[in-house]
Amino acid sequence: MNHFGLIKNFTANGTIEKRRIVAFGAAEGEAVQASGNTAFLGVSGIRGAAIAGARIDVCMDDIRDIEFGSAVSYGDWLTSDADGKAITAAPVAGALMNVIGKAMTGGVAGSIGKVHVTPQQITGA
């Protein structure tokens, strides 16, 4: 039996590339490609959304493919760069940072790795 996890369909509020971090849009039922420290919904799948108003499936749990925006190590907390790619989260002491989850593989910028999707906030030590 296949297990697809929690996948919810949203309306794209702009272009969303495949395998990128997705954030809450301005209105209920909307999603945007993440760009930095915003509240994350999940990860786009093998299809993105080419235009605003298109429908997009967002993977909201499980272990998912994601594009890295920098070098990432196994076990790193991941956040978004300006293009929705996953980068290592490094919050300053006492600051809250949104994360999409933990890296399940390491990789370099531009490679496709794995993330355990568990959106939350962490605090810098």
N, C-alpha and C. Protein backbone atom coordinates (compact mmCIF):
# COMPACT_ATOMS: atom_id res chain seq x y z
N MET A 1 0.83 -1.17 0.00
CA MET A 1 0.00 0.00 0.00
C MET A 1 0.89 1.25 0.00
N ASN A 2 0.56 2.21 -0.84
CA ASN A 2 1.31 3.46 -0.89
C ASN A 2 0.92 4.38 0.25
N HIS A 3 1.89 5.13 0.74
CA HIS A 3 1.64 6.16 1.75
C HIS A 3 2.12 7.48 1.17
N PHE A 4 1.19 8.39 0.94
CA PHE A 4 1.55 9.66 0.33
C PHE A 4 1.72 10.76 1.35
N GLY A 5 1.37 10.55 2.59
CA GLY A 5 1.51 11.56 3.62
C GLY A 5 0.45 12.63 3.49
N LEU A 6 0.65 13.71 4.20
CA LEU A 6 -0.29 14.83 4.21
C LEU A 6 0.06 15.78 3.07
N ILE A 7 -0.77 15.79 2.04
CA ILE A 7 -0.59 16.68 0.90
C ILE A 7 -1.87 17.47 0.75
N LYS A 8 -1.75 18.81 0.74
CA LYS A 8 -2.92 19.67 0.63
C LYS A 8 -2.75 20.56 -0.60
N ASN A 9 -3.86 20.84 -1.27
CA ASN A 9 -3.84 21.65 -2.47
C ASN A 9 -4.16 23.10 -2.13
N PHE A 10 -3.37 24.03 -2.67
CA PHE A 10 -3.52 25.46 -2.44
C PHE A 10 -3.56 26.20 -3.77
N THR A 11 -3.93 27.47 -3.74
CA THR A 11 -3.82 28.36 -4.88
C THR A 11 -2.50 29.11 -4.76
N ALA A 12 -1.69 29.06 -5.81
CA ALA A 12 -0.39 29.74 -5.79
C ALA A 12 -0.59 31.25 -5.92
N ASN A 13 0.03 31.99 -5.05
CA ASN A 13 0.01 33.44 -5.11
C ASN A 13 1.35 33.87 -5.69
N GLY A 14 1.59 33.53 -6.96
CA GLY A 14 2.86 33.77 -7.63
C GLY A 14 3.47 32.45 -8.06
N THR A 15 4.62 32.53 -8.70
CA THR A 15 5.34 31.34 -9.15
C THR A 15 5.91 30.58 -7.96
N ILE A 16 5.76 29.25 -7.98
CA ILE A 16 6.37 28.39 -6.98
C ILE A 16 7.11 27.29 -7.73
N GLU A 17 8.42 27.24 -7.58
CA GLU A 17 9.24 26.22 -8.24
C GLU A 17 9.05 24.87 -7.56
N LYS A 18 9.38 23.80 -8.27
CA LYS A 18 9.28 22.46 -7.68
C LYS A 18 10.38 22.25 -6.63
N ARG A 19 10.05 21.44 -5.64
CA ARG A 19 10.97 21.06 -4.55
C ARG A 19 11.52 22.26 -3.78
N ARG A 20 10.64 23.21 -3.49
CA ARG A 20 11.01 24.41 -2.75
C ARG A 20 10.16 24.52 -1.49
N ILE A 21 10.63 25.32 -0.55
CA ILE A 21 9.88 25.58 0.67
C ILE A 21 8.72 26.51 0.33
N VAL A 22 7.55 26.19 0.86
CA VAL A 22 6.33 26.94 0.59
C VAL A 22 5.83 27.56 1.89
N ALA A 23 5.36 28.81 1.80
CA ALA A 23 4.88 29.55 2.97
C ALA A 23 3.40 29.89 2.82
N PHE A 24 2.80 30.34 3.91
CA PHE A 24 1.42 30.79 3.90
C PHE A 24 1.29 32.01 2.99
N GLY A 25 0.23 32.06 2.20
CA GLY A 25 -0.07 33.23 1.37
C GLY A 25 -0.81 34.28 2.18
N ALA A 26 -1.18 35.37 1.52
CA ALA A 26 -1.86 36.48 2.20
C ALA A 26 -3.29 36.14 2.59
N ALA A 27 -3.95 35.28 1.82
CA ALA A 27 -5.34 34.93 2.09
C ALA A 27 -5.46 33.43 2.37
N GLU A 28 -6.54 33.07 3.01
CA GLU A 28 -6.80 31.67 3.32
C GLU A 28 -6.83 30.85 2.03
N GLY A 29 -6.14 29.71 2.04
CA GLY A 29 -6.10 28.83 0.88
C GLY A 29 -5.03 29.18 -0.13
N GLU A 30 -4.23 30.21 0.15
CA GLU A 30 -3.15 30.61 -0.76
C GLU A 30 -1.80 30.19 -0.21
N ALA A 31 -0.88 29.95 -1.13
CA ALA A 31 0.50 29.60 -0.77
C ALA A 31 1.44 30.40 -1.65
N VAL A 32 2.63 30.69 -1.11
CA VAL A 32 3.67 31.40 -1.84
C VAL A 32 4.99 30.66 -1.68
N GLN A 33 5.90 30.88 -2.62
CA GLN A 33 7.24 30.34 -2.45
C GLN A 33 7.90 31.11 -1.32
N ALA A 34 8.48 30.40 -0.37
CA ALA A 34 9.11 31.05 0.78
C ALA A 34 10.28 31.91 0.33
N SER A 35 10.52 32.95 1.10
CA SER A 35 11.66 33.83 0.81
C SER A 35 12.21 34.37 2.12
N GLY A 36 12.89 33.52 2.84
CA GLY A 36 13.47 33.93 4.11
C GLY A 36 12.65 33.43 5.28
N ASN A 37 12.71 34.16 6.38
CA ASN A 37 12.15 33.75 7.66
C ASN A 37 10.65 34.05 7.74
N THR A 38 9.84 33.26 7.02
CA THR A 38 8.39 33.38 7.07
C THR A 38 7.81 32.08 7.62
N ALA A 39 6.54 32.07 7.96
CA ALA A 39 5.90 30.85 8.47
C ALA A 39 5.71 29.86 7.32
N PHE A 40 6.26 28.67 7.46
CA PHE A 40 6.27 27.68 6.39
C PHE A 40 5.08 26.73 6.48
N LEU A 41 4.56 26.37 5.30
CA LEU A 41 3.50 25.37 5.17
C LEU A 41 4.08 23.97 4.95
N GLY A 42 5.04 23.89 4.04
CA GLY A 42 5.60 22.60 3.65
C GLY A 42 6.52 22.76 2.46
N VAL A 43 6.52 21.75 1.59
CA VAL A 43 7.44 21.70 0.45
C VAL A 43 6.64 21.39 -0.81
N SER A 44 6.96 22.09 -1.90
CA SER A 44 6.32 21.77 -3.18
C SER A 44 6.86 20.45 -3.69
N GLY A 45 6.06 19.76 -4.48
CA GLY A 45 6.43 18.44 -4.97
C GLY A 45 7.15 18.49 -6.31
N ILE A 46 6.88 17.50 -7.15
CA ILE A 46 7.59 17.37 -8.42
C ILE A 46 7.08 18.35 -9.47
N ARG A 47 5.98 19.02 -9.16
CA ARG A 47 5.47 20.09 -10.04
C ARG A 47 5.37 21.36 -9.22
N GLY A 48 5.70 22.44 -9.80
CA GLY A 48 5.51 23.72 -9.15
C GLY A 48 4.24 24.36 -9.66
N ALA A 49 4.18 25.65 -9.56
CA ALA A 49 3.08 26.44 -10.10
C ALA A 49 3.69 27.54 -10.96
N ALA A 50 3.43 27.51 -12.25
CA ALA A 50 4.08 28.43 -13.19
C ALA A 50 3.55 29.86 -13.10
N ILE A 51 2.29 30.01 -12.66
CA ILE A 51 1.70 31.34 -12.62
C ILE A 51 0.84 31.50 -11.37
N ALA A 52 0.60 32.76 -11.00
CA ALA A 52 -0.32 33.04 -9.91
C ALA A 52 -1.71 32.52 -10.28
N GLY A 53 -2.39 31.94 -9.32
CA GLY A 53 -3.72 31.40 -9.55
C GLY A 53 -3.73 29.91 -9.87
N ALA A 54 -2.57 29.37 -10.21
CA ALA A 54 -2.47 27.93 -10.48
C ALA A 54 -2.64 27.16 -9.18
N ARG A 55 -3.05 25.93 -9.28
CA ARG A 55 -3.20 25.07 -8.11
C ARG A 55 -1.88 24.32 -7.87
N ILE A 56 -1.54 24.13 -6.60
CA ILE A 56 -0.29 23.45 -6.26
C ILE A 56 -0.50 22.55 -5.05
N ASP A 57 0.08 21.35 -5.12
CA ASP A 57 0.08 20.44 -3.98
C ASP A 57 1.27 20.77 -3.10
N VAL A 58 1.01 20.89 -1.80
CA VAL A 58 2.06 21.16 -0.82
C VAL A 58 2.16 19.97 0.12
N CYS A 59 3.36 19.39 0.21
CA CYS A 59 3.64 18.25 1.10
C CYS A 59 3.91 18.81 2.49
N MET A 60 3.07 18.44 3.44
CA MET A 60 3.11 19.05 4.76
C MET A 60 3.68 18.16 5.85
N ASP A 61 4.20 16.97 5.47
CA ASP A 61 4.83 16.08 6.44
C ASP A 61 5.70 15.08 5.71
N ASP A 62 6.24 14.13 6.44
CA ASP A 62 6.99 13.01 5.87
C ASP A 62 8.40 13.45 5.45
N ILE A 63 9.11 12.57 4.80
CA ILE A 63 10.45 12.87 4.28
C ILE A 63 10.29 13.17 2.80
N ARG A 64 10.71 14.37 2.40
CA ARG A 64 10.45 14.89 1.06
C ARG A 64 11.73 15.36 0.39
N ASP A 65 11.70 15.38 -0.95
CA ASP A 65 12.80 15.95 -1.73
C ASP A 65 12.76 17.46 -1.63
N ILE A 66 13.94 18.08 -1.59
CA ILE A 66 14.05 19.53 -1.52
C ILE A 66 15.34 19.96 -2.20
N GLU A 67 15.32 21.14 -2.81
CA GLU A 67 16.53 21.67 -3.44
C GLU A 67 17.30 22.49 -2.41
N PHE A 68 18.60 22.19 -2.30
CA PHE A 68 19.46 22.93 -1.38
C PHE A 68 19.98 24.21 -2.03
N GLY A 69 20.05 25.28 -1.25
CA GLY A 69 20.55 26.56 -1.72
C GLY A 69 21.97 26.82 -1.27
N SER A 70 22.52 25.94 -0.45
CA SER A 70 23.90 26.04 0.03
C SER A 70 24.31 24.64 0.50
N ALA A 71 25.55 24.53 0.95
CA ALA A 71 25.99 23.25 1.50
C ALA A 71 25.20 22.95 2.78
N VAL A 72 24.69 21.73 2.88
CA VAL A 72 23.88 21.29 4.01
C VAL A 72 24.44 19.97 4.50
N SER A 73 24.43 19.78 5.81
CA SER A 73 24.88 18.52 6.41
C SER A 73 23.70 17.76 6.99
N TYR A 74 23.82 16.45 6.99
CA TYR A 74 22.82 15.57 7.59
C TYR A 74 22.53 16.04 9.02
N GLY A 75 21.26 16.22 9.35
CA GLY A 75 20.86 16.62 10.70
C GLY A 75 20.74 18.11 10.91
N ASP A 76 21.12 18.94 9.93
CA ASP A 76 20.98 20.39 10.07
C ASP A 76 19.51 20.79 10.09
N TRP A 77 19.17 21.79 10.91
CA TRP A 77 17.87 22.45 10.79
C TRP A 77 17.91 23.25 9.50
N LEU A 78 16.79 23.24 8.74
CA LEU A 78 16.76 23.93 7.46
C LEU A 78 15.74 25.06 7.44
N THR A 79 16.12 26.17 6.84
CA THR A 79 15.24 27.30 6.61
C THR A 79 15.32 27.66 5.14
N SER A 80 14.71 28.76 4.76
CA SER A 80 14.63 29.14 3.35
C SER A 80 15.57 30.29 3.01
N ASP A 81 16.15 30.21 1.81
CA ASP A 81 16.85 31.38 1.28
C ASP A 81 15.82 32.24 0.55
N ALA A 82 16.26 33.26 -0.16
CA ALA A 82 15.34 34.17 -0.86
C ALA A 82 14.58 33.51 -1.99
N ASP A 83 15.02 32.33 -2.45
CA ASP A 83 14.38 31.63 -3.56
C ASP A 83 13.63 30.37 -3.13
N GLY A 84 13.42 30.17 -1.83
CA GLY A 84 12.70 29.00 -1.35
C GLY A 84 13.55 27.75 -1.27
N LYS A 85 14.85 27.86 -1.54
CA LYS A 85 15.74 26.70 -1.42
C LYS A 85 16.14 26.53 0.04
N ALA A 86 16.42 25.28 0.42
CA ALA A 86 16.76 24.97 1.80
C ALA A 86 18.22 25.30 2.10
N ILE A 87 18.42 26.03 3.19
CA ILE A 87 19.76 26.35 3.69
C ILE A 87 19.80 26.05 5.18
N THR A 88 21.00 25.91 5.72
CA THR A 88 21.15 25.64 7.14
C THR A 88 20.65 26.82 7.97
N ALA A 89 19.83 26.55 8.96
CA ALA A 89 19.31 27.58 9.86
C ALA A 89 20.37 27.93 10.89
N ALA A 90 20.64 29.22 11.05
CA ALA A 90 21.63 29.68 12.02
C ALA A 90 21.12 30.95 12.71
N PRO A 91 20.11 30.81 13.58
CA PRO A 91 19.57 31.99 14.24
C PRO A 91 20.57 32.58 15.24
N VAL A 92 20.58 33.90 15.37
CA VAL A 92 21.43 34.55 16.37
C VAL A 92 20.87 34.25 17.75
N ALA A 93 21.70 34.41 18.75
CA ALA A 93 21.31 34.10 20.13
C ALA A 93 20.03 34.82 20.52
N GLY A 94 19.06 34.06 21.01
CA GLY A 94 17.79 34.60 21.48
C GLY A 94 16.76 34.89 20.40
N ALA A 95 17.13 34.78 19.14
CA ALA A 95 16.20 35.08 18.04
C ALA A 95 15.45 33.83 17.60
N LEU A 96 14.19 34.00 17.26
CA LEU A 96 13.39 32.91 16.71
C LEU A 96 13.61 32.82 15.22
N MET A 97 13.64 31.60 14.69
CA MET A 97 13.77 31.39 13.25
C MET A 97 12.83 30.27 12.85
N ASN A 98 12.11 30.48 11.75
CA ASN A 98 11.25 29.43 11.19
C ASN A 98 12.12 28.42 10.47
N VAL A 99 11.79 27.14 10.68
CA VAL A 99 12.50 26.06 9.99
C VAL A 99 11.47 25.14 9.36
N ILE A 100 11.86 24.48 8.29
CA ILE A 100 10.98 23.52 7.62
C ILE A 100 11.15 22.13 8.20
N GLY A 101 12.32 21.86 8.80
CA GLY A 101 12.59 20.56 9.39
C GLY A 101 14.08 20.28 9.39
N LYS A 102 14.44 18.99 9.53
CA LYS A 102 15.84 18.58 9.58
C LYS A 102 16.25 17.88 8.30
N ALA A 103 17.50 18.14 7.90
CA ALA A 103 18.05 17.49 6.71
C ALA A 103 18.26 16.02 6.98
N MET A 104 17.76 15.18 6.08
CA MET A 104 17.94 13.74 6.20
C MET A 104 19.09 13.26 5.32
N THR A 105 19.62 14.17 4.50
CA THR A 105 20.81 13.92 3.69
C THR A 105 21.60 15.22 3.65
N GLY A 106 22.88 15.10 3.37
CA GLY A 106 23.69 16.28 3.12
C GLY A 106 23.72 16.56 1.63
N GLY A 107 24.26 17.71 1.26
CA GLY A 107 24.38 18.03 -0.15
C GLY A 107 24.97 19.41 -0.35
N VAL A 108 25.13 19.77 -1.60
CA VAL A 108 25.69 21.06 -1.97
C VAL A 108 24.61 21.91 -2.64
N ALA A 109 24.90 23.19 -2.83
CA ALA A 109 23.95 24.09 -3.48
C ALA A 109 23.54 23.54 -4.84
N GLY A 110 22.24 23.54 -5.10
CA GLY A 110 21.71 23.05 -6.37
C GLY A 110 21.37 21.58 -6.39
N SER A 111 21.81 20.83 -5.38
CA SER A 111 21.49 19.39 -5.36
C SER A 111 20.12 19.16 -4.72
N ILE A 112 19.55 18.00 -5.01
CA ILE A 112 18.27 17.62 -4.41
C ILE A 112 18.57 16.66 -3.27
N GLY A 113 18.12 17.05 -2.07
CA GLY A 113 18.32 16.23 -0.89
C GLY A 113 16.98 15.87 -0.26
N LYS A 114 17.03 15.43 0.97
CA LYS A 114 15.83 15.02 1.71
C LYS A 114 15.69 15.85 2.98
N VAL A 115 14.44 16.18 3.30
CA VAL A 115 14.12 16.89 4.53
C VAL A 115 12.97 16.17 5.22
N HIS A 116 13.04 16.07 6.54
CA HIS A 116 11.91 15.59 7.33
C HIS A 116 11.06 16.82 7.62
N VAL A 117 9.93 16.95 6.94
CA VAL A 117 9.10 18.14 7.00
C VAL A 117 8.37 18.21 8.34
N THR A 118 8.81 19.15 9.19
CA THR A 118 8.20 19.41 10.49
C THR A 118 8.29 20.92 10.75
N PRO A 119 7.48 21.74 10.07
CA PRO A 119 7.60 23.19 10.25
C PRO A 119 7.44 23.60 11.71
N GLN A 120 8.33 24.48 12.16
CA GLN A 120 8.33 24.96 13.53
C GLN A 120 9.28 26.13 13.65
N GLN A 121 9.47 26.63 14.86
CA GLN A 121 10.44 27.69 15.14
C GLN A 121 11.50 27.16 16.09
N ILE A 122 12.73 27.62 15.90
CA ILE A 122 13.82 27.31 16.83
C ILE A 122 14.39 28.65 17.32
N THR A 123 15.07 28.59 18.45
CA THR A 123 15.68 29.78 19.04
C THR A 123 17.19 29.63 19.04
N GLY A 124 17.88 30.69 18.62
CA GLY A 124 19.35 30.67 18.62
C GLY A 124 19.89 30.59 20.03
N ALA A 125 20.99 29.85 20.17
CA ALA A 125 21.61 29.67 21.50
C ALA A 125 22.67 30.72 21.75
